[in-house]
Structures are given as C-alpha cells and as structure tokens.
C-alpha cells in the first residue's frame, strides 16, 4: 500500500485560545472510501504503513508546524517498528481496548521513553487501565457521549493526576466556553465549522463595514477605479494586501507597488477575492483558525477547478471563500448573502450546493469534515484529490505565515 491509495484527513485540536495545538490524522484506504469511516489505523497491521506514508508525504506538508496525532493499531507488537522520526512532534493515541498486560505495558513504556506524547481515551470504570496512567500525557473525554454533566463527573478521577485533558467531539462554541471554564487543556470537534448564530438584529459596525466592502468588491459591475479606490481608502488593508501579493506564495516576478498594478497583474476578480479575505482576517473577535478554514476552502475549490481543466478558477476561489461567511459573521448564510450582488450560479452554489460550483464546494466541505465518501469532482482520480487536499493545506499555511 502506498500514499497514492491513502486519503489523509486532518482534524484540528485547539488550545483554549482557539489556536491549533495539533492535527489528528485520519487515514482511510482507497478501497474503503465508500464503505467505512473507520481509519486504517484501526487495523491491527497498519501502524507502520501509516507512519511510513505520513513521513513520505512530509511532516510539514501534512500538519505544518503543529503536532501530529496518530491513532495506533491494536497490535502492540508492531509498535516497535514505528520509525523514530521527530517523536517530539508526534502524539500517539493508545487504543481504548488495549489489553493491559506485561507486554503491552512494556510497549507503551518504550514509546514514552522514545519521546512520544501519549494520549488515551477515557476508560470509565476499567481499573486495569489505571496502570497506563504513569505513561499517559493526555486523556480524551467524549463530550457527545458523556454530556457536560457526565464530563464533570469523570473529571474527578483525573484531577489528581498531572495529565492534560482533551474534550473530544465538541459540537458548538457554547460547549467550548463551558469546557474552558472546567479546565480542559485541548478541544476537538467541528464546532468552528458550524456557525454560532447570534440573535442581535444588526451587525456590529466593524462587520457591517467589511460586508459593505465585500459587496462592492464582488459586484461584477464595479469598475476597476472603484476597486482601487475602496481598497486604498483602508491604509492597513492596502498595505497588507501589497505585502501578501509580493510574498513568495504568489510567485510574481515583478514587484507590485500599487493597487492599479495589482489589478493588472492579478485581474479584477482575483484581487477582489484577496481583498475580501484580508478584510475578514482583520476581525479581531474571530479566531485565526476561522480564516484558515476560509483559505483552505477557497484554495481547494480553485485547485479542483484547475485540475478539471476549468478556466474560470477565480469564481471557484470566491465560492469557497464566501461559504465561510456564516461562521465568521455569526449569521445565517442566506441572510448574509442576500444583499451581495452575486451571480445566480454562485448564489445557488453557496446556498444549495447546486451546479458545478456547488459540486466543488461540497467536495471542499467533505475534505474539511474528513467525509471521504463525499470527496469527488468531475471524475478526477483519487490520487489527484489527495494531492489537492495536501496542496491546499500547505498553501494556506504559507499564506498565513506571509500575513504575520
């Protein structure tokens, strides 16, 4: 089995400030893509294959500068074959149903001594698992299964140990806030991918001005002079945009020194998309990871179109970008998009996932949620989809670094 037959999904693990602490890597073989959501790593003979594949892809390409969290297979006799490469950046998840005996304890201890960070799911009343706690750094508690009341009860048995606590399957930002107050160290789930809808009647002034800016930039009837004027009006936006365009991520040969020059080099629509992204990134009340989600969605849609031989890739970038407005603006997407002068096919793609634009967006969202059975676009081969997934993530990391 080689990397061409393997899908890799990344689910972020956040710290209390909503910075990304690590990415859990979710693997699935191509042959299993339409039949199972079980990771390859659950199979007893695949720990070594997964790690070899992971390192073949490159640590930086898959997780950037964060930790990588990998689920171990149940066959602890294979753990000694794990290649010892940067163990200080890797979290290994011990199987919950591990049979605790002299040999398995020795295998866990060997991993700990090698420098790996070790994680374990909450084991409830199984007293045999207590022997593992001397080697464990992180305990996972399943919020969806236990509920917040159950979480509070289970916390008692771990408070006496110097173990970090990870809240798994956090479904919304309200639960996240309460779990922070309970003292959890790390948080996992798709709560940042789902909007927290607020009940206030109007957007705050800073968000309203950004929405007006996005409306102007993405209006196909807006003239080049108007785009130049509206960007130059915001000195910080103009500066950051020029800095980004001149970064290595764009690979432009000539230095861009004005918005007019930028429009000439990139085109009206592409510059509008980038200015929209930069404006959203200026919102201080939104976690940086939300903007990261925007960038990955946008680039994934663009790369899918490019791989399928579609020429108007800028429109795909725009669809991916605007699809995340609900999680950033905390409003229903239909409400946010209503005043925007968007083309009908763009609007249908965003609201109903219709048309070829909607097909690209659905695939980008499936990547984000590691729903591999829904990852497909215009009959592209699986190997192309794997490469697009990695390329979009790598690109987003490079752009995020350029924006700092």
Protein backbone atom coordinates (compact mmCIF):
# COMPACT_ATOMS: atom_id res chain seq x y z
CA UNK A 1 0.00 0.00 0.00
CA UNK A 2 1.46 3.41 -0.94
CA UNK A 3 0.48 7.01 -0.33
CA UNK A 4 -1.42 7.10 -3.63
CA UNK A 5 -4.02 4.77 -2.16
CA UNK A 6 -4.48 6.65 1.08
CA UNK A 7 -6.64 9.62 1.99
CA UNK A 8 -5.44 11.78 4.84
CA UNK A 9 -7.85 13.97 6.75
CA UNK A 10 -6.84 16.45 9.42
CA UNK A 11 -8.99 17.37 12.36
CA UNK A 12 -7.60 20.27 14.40
CA UNK A 13 -7.02 20.03 18.14
CA UNK A 14 -7.30 23.51 19.66
CA UNK A 15 -5.93 25.16 22.77
CA UNK A 16 -8.17 27.38 24.96
CA UNK A 17 -7.29 30.42 22.82
CA UNK A 18 -8.51 28.58 19.70
CA UNK A 19 -5.02 28.28 18.31
CA UNK A 20 -4.23 24.91 16.71
CA UNK A 21 -2.18 22.72 19.03
CA UNK A 22 -2.16 19.63 16.82
CA UNK A 23 -3.87 17.89 13.91
CA UNK A 24 -5.28 14.42 14.36
CA UNK A 25 -4.61 12.50 11.18
CA UNK A 26 -7.44 10.34 9.89
CA UNK A 27 -6.45 7.75 7.33
CA UNK A 28 -8.52 5.66 5.00
CA UNK A 29 -7.58 3.32 2.19
CA UNK A 30 -9.00 4.00 -1.27
CA UNK A 31 -10.67 0.59 -1.25
CA UNK A 32 -12.60 1.57 1.88
CA UNK A 33 -13.57 5.03 0.77
CA UNK A 34 -17.24 4.33 0.12
CA UNK A 35 -17.86 1.71 2.73
CA UNK A 36 -16.37 2.68 6.05
CA UNK A 37 -15.49 5.64 8.21
CA UNK A 38 -13.01 3.55 10.17
CA UNK A 39 -9.43 4.80 9.93
CA UNK A 40 -6.78 2.49 8.51
CA UNK A 41 -5.00 2.91 11.81
CA UNK A 42 -7.70 0.82 13.47
CA UNK A 43 -6.46 -2.25 11.62
CA UNK A 44 -4.01 -4.34 13.57
CA UNK A 45 -1.30 -4.44 10.89
CA UNK A 46 -1.16 -0.87 9.64
CA UNK A 47 0.63 1.34 12.19
CA UNK A 48 3.92 1.09 10.34
CA UNK A 49 2.28 1.63 6.92
CA UNK A 50 0.52 4.77 8.13
CA UNK A 51 3.62 6.31 9.64
CA UNK A 52 5.76 5.49 6.62
CA UNK A 53 3.15 7.05 4.38
CA UNK A 54 2.92 10.07 6.65
CA UNK A 55 6.65 10.70 6.56
CA UNK A 56 6.75 10.08 2.81
CA UNK A 57 4.24 12.91 2.39
CA UNK A 58 6.32 15.12 4.65
CA UNK A 59 5.57 16.30 8.17
CA UNK A 60 5.42 19.99 7.22
CA UNK A 61 3.13 19.33 4.26
CA UNK A 62 0.59 17.48 6.38
CA UNK A 63 0.47 19.38 9.69
CA UNK A 64 2.56 22.50 9.19
CA UNK A 65 4.39 23.38 12.42
CA UNK A 66 1.86 21.76 14.74
CA UNK A 67 1.88 18.37 16.44
CA UNK A 68 0.62 15.34 14.54
CA UNK A 69 -1.74 12.99 16.39
CA UNK A 70 -1.88 9.42 15.05
CA UNK A 71 -4.03 6.52 16.21
CA UNK A 72 -2.09 3.34 16.88
CA UNK A 73 -3.25 -0.09 15.77
CA UNK A 74 -4.20 -2.71 18.33
CA UNK A 75 -1.21 -4.96 17.63
CA UNK A 76 1.31 -3.56 20.10
CA UNK A 77 3.97 -5.95 18.83
CA UNK A 78 4.18 -3.72 15.71
CA UNK A 79 4.75 -0.52 17.66
CA UNK A 80 8.48 -1.21 17.94
CA UNK A 81 8.69 -0.94 14.16
CA UNK A 82 7.47 2.68 14.14
CA UNK A 83 10.26 4.79 12.59
CA UNK A 84 11.79 7.14 15.16
CA UNK A 85 11.45 10.46 13.29
CA UNK A 86 10.72 13.65 15.24
CA UNK A 87 8.89 11.91 18.11
CA UNK A 88 8.81 15.26 19.95
CA UNK A 89 6.22 16.45 17.42
CA UNK A 90 4.01 13.37 17.43
CA UNK A 91 1.15 12.33 19.69
CA UNK A 92 0.31 8.63 19.59
CA UNK A 93 -3.21 7.59 20.57
CA UNK A 94 -3.23 4.33 22.53
CA UNK A 95 -6.19 2.09 21.54
CA UNK A 96 -9.01 2.24 24.08
CA UNK A 97 -9.47 -1.53 24.01
CA UNK A 98 -5.81 -2.33 24.60
CA UNK A 99 -5.34 -5.49 26.63
CA UNK A 100 -3.22 -4.38 29.58
CA UNK A 101 -0.55 -6.93 30.41
CA UNK A 102 3.20 -7.07 30.98
CA UNK A 103 4.00 -6.99 27.26
CA UNK A 104 1.62 -4.15 26.34
CA UNK A 105 2.81 -2.05 29.29
CA UNK A 106 6.39 -2.54 28.12
CA UNK A 107 5.38 -1.44 24.62
CA UNK A 108 3.70 1.72 25.98
CA UNK A 109 6.72 2.48 28.16
CA UNK A 110 9.03 2.09 25.14
CA UNK A 111 7.03 4.68 23.21
CA UNK A 112 7.16 7.06 26.17
CA UNK A 113 10.92 6.57 26.53
CA UNK A 114 11.35 7.31 22.83
CA UNK A 115 9.95 10.79 23.35
CA UNK A 116 6.41 10.44 22.01
CA UNK A 117 3.47 12.19 23.66
CA UNK A 118 0.86 9.56 24.52
CA UNK A 119 -2.91 10.00 24.58
CA UNK A 120 -5.68 7.70 25.76
CA UNK A 121 -9.47 7.77 25.67
CA UNK A 122 -11.36 7.93 28.94
CA UNK A 123 -11.65 4.36 30.19
CA UNK A 124 -14.51 4.76 32.67
CA UNK A 125 -14.53 2.11 35.38
CA UNK A 126 -11.97 -0.23 33.81
CA UNK A 127 -9.47 -0.39 36.68
CA UNK A 128 -6.93 -2.36 34.63
CA UNK A 129 -6.25 0.79 32.55
CA UNK A 130 -5.00 2.72 35.60
CA UNK A 131 -1.61 1.10 35.12
CA UNK A 132 -1.23 3.09 31.90
CA UNK A 133 -1.62 6.50 33.56
CA UNK A 134 2.06 6.66 34.55
CA UNK A 135 2.90 6.95 30.84
CA UNK A 136 -0.05 8.97 29.52
CA UNK A 137 0.18 12.72 28.81
CA UNK A 138 -3.36 13.37 27.53
CA UNK A 139 -6.77 11.88 28.35
CA UNK A 140 -9.64 12.31 25.87
CA UNK A 141 -13.20 12.69 27.12
CA UNK A 142 -16.05 12.26 24.65
CA UNK A 143 -18.38 15.24 25.15
CA UNK A 144 -21.04 13.93 22.77
CA UNK A 145 -21.26 10.59 24.60
CA UNK A 146 -20.88 11.77 28.20
CA UNK A 147 -22.66 15.12 28.04
CA UNK A 148 -21.47 18.05 30.12
CA UNK A 149 -22.82 16.55 33.36
CA UNK A 150 -21.03 13.27 32.69
CA UNK A 151 -17.86 15.18 31.84
CA UNK A 152 -17.95 16.90 35.23
CA UNK A 153 -18.25 13.54 37.00
CA UNK A 154 -15.40 11.98 35.02
CA UNK A 155 -13.08 14.89 35.68
CA UNK A 156 -12.79 13.88 39.32
CA UNK A 157 -10.73 10.76 38.66
CA UNK A 158 -8.15 12.66 36.57
CA UNK A 159 -7.76 15.83 38.61
CA UNK A 160 -5.30 14.09 40.93
CA UNK A 161 -3.01 13.19 38.01
CA UNK A 162 -0.74 15.57 36.11
CA UNK A 163 -2.47 14.72 32.83
CA UNK A 164 -3.76 17.18 30.24
CA UNK A 165 -7.45 16.90 29.39
CA UNK A 166 -8.79 16.89 25.83
CA UNK A 167 -12.51 17.44 25.19
CA UNK A 168 -13.42 15.42 22.10
CA UNK A 169 -16.46 15.85 19.82
CA UNK A 170 -17.21 19.41 20.89
CA UNK A 171 -20.19 20.37 18.74
CA UNK A 172 -20.69 24.07 19.39
CA UNK A 173 -18.99 27.17 20.76
CA UNK A 174 -21.24 27.32 23.83
CA UNK A 175 -19.98 23.92 24.98
CA UNK A 176 -16.43 25.01 24.19
CA UNK A 177 -16.78 28.02 26.50
CA UNK A 178 -18.07 25.86 29.35
CA UNK A 179 -15.31 23.28 28.86
CA UNK A 180 -12.69 26.03 29.02
CA UNK A 181 -14.16 27.05 32.38
CA UNK A 182 -13.97 23.43 33.55
CA UNK A 183 -10.22 23.49 33.00
CA UNK A 184 -9.78 21.48 29.79
CA UNK A 185 -6.47 21.98 28.01
CA UNK A 186 -7.40 20.93 24.48
CA UNK A 187 -10.54 20.75 22.36
CA UNK A 188 -11.52 18.77 19.27
CA UNK A 189 -14.61 18.74 17.11
CA UNK A 190 -16.19 20.61 14.25
CA UNK A 191 -17.50 23.47 16.38
CA UNK A 192 -15.58 26.09 14.38
CA UNK A 193 -17.03 24.80 11.11
CA UNK A 194 -20.56 25.39 12.35
CA UNK A 195 -21.91 28.93 12.75
CA UNK A 196 -22.89 30.28 16.13
CA UNK A 197 -25.97 32.29 15.15
CA UNK A 198 -26.50 35.38 17.32
CA UNK A 199 -29.90 36.96 17.84
CA UNK A 200 -29.00 40.65 17.52
CA UNK A 201 -30.82 42.48 14.76
CA UNK A 202 -27.86 44.18 13.13
CA UNK A 203 -24.17 43.53 12.53
CA UNK A 204 -21.62 45.44 14.63
CA UNK A 205 -20.15 48.42 12.78
CA UNK A 206 -16.82 46.73 12.01
CA UNK A 207 -18.51 43.69 10.48
CA UNK A 208 -21.04 45.82 8.64
CA UNK A 209 -18.28 47.85 7.01
CA UNK A 210 -16.50 44.67 5.95
CA UNK A 211 -19.70 43.26 4.45
CA UNK A 212 -20.16 46.51 2.52
CA UNK A 213 -16.58 46.23 1.30
CA UNK A 214 -17.12 42.62 0.21
CA UNK A 215 -20.34 43.62 -1.58
CA UNK A 216 -18.52 46.33 -3.52
CA UNK A 217 -15.53 44.15 -4.39
CA UNK A 218 -17.59 41.19 -5.57
CA UNK A 219 -20.04 43.19 -7.69
CA UNK A 220 -19.28 42.31 -11.31
CA UNK A 221 -20.38 45.82 -12.31
CA UNK A 222 -17.83 47.51 -10.03
CA UNK A 223 -15.25 49.32 -12.15
CA UNK A 224 -11.51 48.94 -11.70
CA UNK A 225 -11.25 52.55 -10.47
CA UNK A 226 -13.82 51.85 -7.76
CA UNK A 227 -11.99 48.71 -6.60
CA UNK A 228 -8.74 50.63 -6.43
CA UNK A 229 -10.39 53.47 -4.53
CA UNK A 230 -12.18 51.30 -1.95
CA UNK A 231 -9.02 49.34 -1.12
CA UNK A 232 -6.75 52.40 -0.98
CA UNK A 233 -9.25 54.03 1.40
CA UNK A 234 -8.20 51.49 4.05
CA UNK A 235 -4.46 52.03 4.53
CA UNK A 236 -3.97 48.88 6.63
CA UNK A 237 -5.82 46.69 4.13
CA UNK A 238 -3.88 48.19 1.23
CA UNK A 239 -0.54 47.64 2.98
CA UNK A 240 -1.26 44.05 3.96
CA UNK A 241 -2.60 43.21 0.52
CA UNK A 242 0.51 44.54 -1.22
CA UNK A 243 2.71 42.69 1.28
CA UNK A 244 0.84 39.46 0.58
CA UNK A 245 0.90 39.84 -3.21
CA UNK A 246 4.66 40.39 -3.11
CA UNK A 247 5.23 37.33 -0.90
CA UNK A 248 6.77 34.11 -2.16
CA UNK A 249 3.36 32.43 -2.12
CA UNK A 250 2.27 34.39 -5.20
CA UNK A 251 5.49 33.83 -7.13
CA UNK A 252 5.17 37.04 -9.16
CA UNK A 253 8.33 38.05 -10.98
CA UNK A 254 7.74 41.80 -10.81
CA UNK A 255 7.37 43.83 -7.63
CA UNK A 256 3.79 45.10 -7.24
CA UNK A 257 3.76 48.65 -5.87
CA UNK A 258 0.14 49.83 -6.22
CA UNK A 259 -3.43 48.57 -6.34
CA UNK A 260 -3.63 49.52 -10.01
CA UNK A 261 -0.54 47.41 -10.69
CA UNK A 262 -2.03 44.57 -8.61
CA UNK A 263 -5.23 44.62 -10.65
CA UNK A 264 -3.17 44.50 -13.85
CA UNK A 265 -1.15 41.51 -12.59
CA UNK A 266 -3.95 39.51 -10.95
CA UNK A 267 -7.14 40.66 -12.60
CA UNK A 268 -10.13 42.37 -11.07
CA UNK A 269 -11.88 39.29 -9.69
CA UNK A 270 -8.83 37.68 -8.12
CA UNK A 271 -7.81 40.90 -6.40
CA UNK A 272 -11.37 41.32 -5.13
CA UNK A 273 -11.27 37.83 -3.61
CA UNK A 274 -7.95 38.51 -1.90
CA UNK A 275 -9.07 41.88 -0.57
CA UNK A 276 -12.22 40.21 0.81
CA UNK A 277 -10.11 37.57 2.55
CA UNK A 278 -7.77 40.19 4.01
CA UNK A 279 -10.72 42.23 5.26
CA UNK A 280 -12.19 39.18 7.02
CA UNK A 281 -8.80 38.48 8.56
CA UNK A 282 -8.85 41.92 10.19
CA UNK A 283 -11.70 40.92 12.52
CA UNK A 284 -10.05 40.65 15.92
CA UNK A 285 -13.00 38.86 17.53
CA UNK A 286 -12.67 35.83 15.26
CA UNK A 287 -10.09 33.05 15.87
CA UNK A 288 -7.33 32.85 13.24
CA UNK A 289 -8.34 29.26 12.52
CA UNK A 290 -11.64 30.51 11.06
CA UNK A 291 -9.71 32.48 8.46
CA UNK A 292 -7.56 29.41 7.90
CA UNK A 293 -10.74 27.43 7.15
CA UNK A 294 -11.72 30.17 4.65
CA UNK A 295 -8.40 29.91 2.87
CA UNK A 296 -8.41 26.12 2.65
CA UNK A 297 -11.98 26.04 1.30
CA UNK A 298 -11.21 28.74 -1.26
CA UNK A 299 -7.97 27.16 -2.48
CA UNK A 300 -9.47 23.67 -2.57
CA UNK A 301 -12.31 24.84 -4.83
CA UNK A 302 -9.84 26.67 -7.06
CA UNK A 303 -7.49 23.67 -7.33
CA UNK A 304 -10.37 21.31 -8.10
CA UNK A 305 -11.43 23.54 -10.99
CA UNK A 306 -7.86 23.83 -12.21
CA UNK A 307 -7.35 20.06 -12.12
CA UNK A 308 -10.60 19.57 -14.09
CA UNK A 309 -9.40 21.96 -16.82
CA UNK A 310 -11.87 24.73 -15.97
CA UNK A 311 -10.57 28.17 -16.94
CA UNK A 312 -12.62 30.43 -14.64
CA UNK A 313 -10.96 29.22 -11.43
CA UNK A 314 -11.31 32.63 -9.74
CA UNK A 315 -15.04 32.10 -9.33
CA UNK A 316 -14.36 28.81 -7.52
CA UNK A 317 -11.99 30.57 -5.12
CA UNK A 318 -14.73 33.13 -4.42
CA UNK A 319 -17.34 30.44 -3.71
CA UNK A 320 -15.04 28.69 -1.24
CA UNK A 321 -14.23 31.97 0.46
CA UNK A 322 -17.81 33.22 0.79
CA UNK A 323 -19.03 29.83 2.05
CA UNK A 324 -17.43 30.55 5.42
CA UNK A 325 -19.10 33.93 5.98
CA UNK A 326 -21.66 32.39 8.32
CA UNK A 327 -19.07 31.15 10.81
CA UNK A 328 -17.24 34.49 10.74
CA UNK A 329 -20.21 36.86 10.78
CA UNK A 330 -22.36 34.66 13.06
CA UNK A 331 -25.37 35.00 10.80
CA UNK A 332 -27.22 32.60 8.53
CA UNK A 333 -25.52 32.39 5.16
CA UNK A 334 -28.77 33.19 3.34
CA UNK A 335 -29.12 36.41 5.37
CA UNK A 336 -25.51 37.47 4.73
CA UNK A 337 -25.59 36.77 1.01
CA UNK A 338 -28.94 38.46 0.33
CA UNK A 339 -27.53 41.99 -0.12
CA UNK A 340 -24.45 40.84 -2.05
CA UNK A 341 -24.63 41.31 -5.85
CA UNK A 342 -23.64 37.74 -6.68
CA UNK A 343 -24.26 35.86 -9.92
CA UNK A 344 -27.11 33.36 -9.74
CA UNK A 345 -24.90 30.29 -10.18
CA UNK A 346 -22.59 31.50 -7.37
CA UNK A 347 -25.57 32.08 -5.09
CA UNK A 348 -27.05 28.65 -5.88
CA UNK A 349 -23.69 27.00 -5.23
CA UNK A 350 -23.37 28.69 -1.84
CA UNK A 351 -26.92 28.14 -0.60
CA UNK A 352 -27.92 24.87 -2.27
CA UNK A 353 -24.62 23.35 -3.45
CA UNK A 354 -26.02 23.31 -6.98
CA UNK A 355 -24.17 23.24 -10.29
CA UNK A 356 -20.51 22.60 -10.91
CA UNK A 357 -19.53 25.36 -8.47
CA UNK A 358 -21.64 23.68 -5.82
CA UNK A 359 -20.02 20.34 -6.61
CA UNK A 360 -16.60 21.83 -5.90
CA UNK A 361 -17.82 23.38 -2.65
CA UNK A 362 -19.36 20.09 -1.48
CA UNK A 363 -16.04 18.36 -2.07
CA UNK A 364 -14.14 21.07 -0.17
CA UNK A 365 -16.53 20.72 2.78
CA UNK A 366 -16.15 16.94 2.68
CA UNK A 367 -12.37 17.33 2.91
CA UNK A 368 -12.83 19.61 5.92
CA UNK A 369 -15.01 17.07 7.73
CA UNK A 370 -12.96 14.04 6.58
CA UNK A 371 -16.01 12.60 4.82
CA UNK A 372 -14.03 10.87 2.09
CA UNK A 373 -17.02 9.14 0.54
CA UNK A 374 -18.29 12.61 -0.48
CA UNK A 375 -14.98 13.78 -1.93
CA UNK A 376 -15.40 13.80 -5.71
CA UNK A 377 -15.27 16.32 -8.52
CA UNK A 378 -15.71 15.96 -12.28
CA UNK A 379 -14.43 12.37 -12.33
CA UNK A 380 -10.98 13.35 -11.04
CA UNK A 381 -8.93 10.37 -9.92
CA UNK A 382 -8.45 9.74 -6.24
CA UNK A 383 -4.73 10.46 -6.41
CA UNK A 384 -5.49 13.96 -7.76
CA UNK A 385 -7.91 14.60 -4.92
CA UNK A 386 -5.30 13.52 -2.35
CA UNK A 387 -2.75 15.91 -3.83
CA UNK A 388 -5.27 18.77 -3.92
CA UNK A 389 -6.08 18.20 -0.25
CA UNK A 390 -2.42 18.44 0.75
CA UNK A 391 -1.66 21.31 -1.62
CA UNK A 392 -4.50 23.49 -0.33
CA UNK A 393 -3.42 22.94 3.28
CA UNK A 394 0.23 23.69 2.51
CA UNK A 395 -0.72 26.81 0.56
CA UNK A 396 -2.94 28.11 3.38
CA UNK A 397 -0.08 27.67 5.86
CA UNK A 398 2.31 29.58 3.58
CA UNK A 399 -0.16 32.43 3.15
CA UNK A 400 -0.86 32.56 6.89
CA UNK A 401 2.89 32.88 7.52
CA UNK A 402 3.14 35.68 4.94
CA UNK A 403 0.35 37.59 6.68
CA UNK A 404 2.12 37.68 10.04
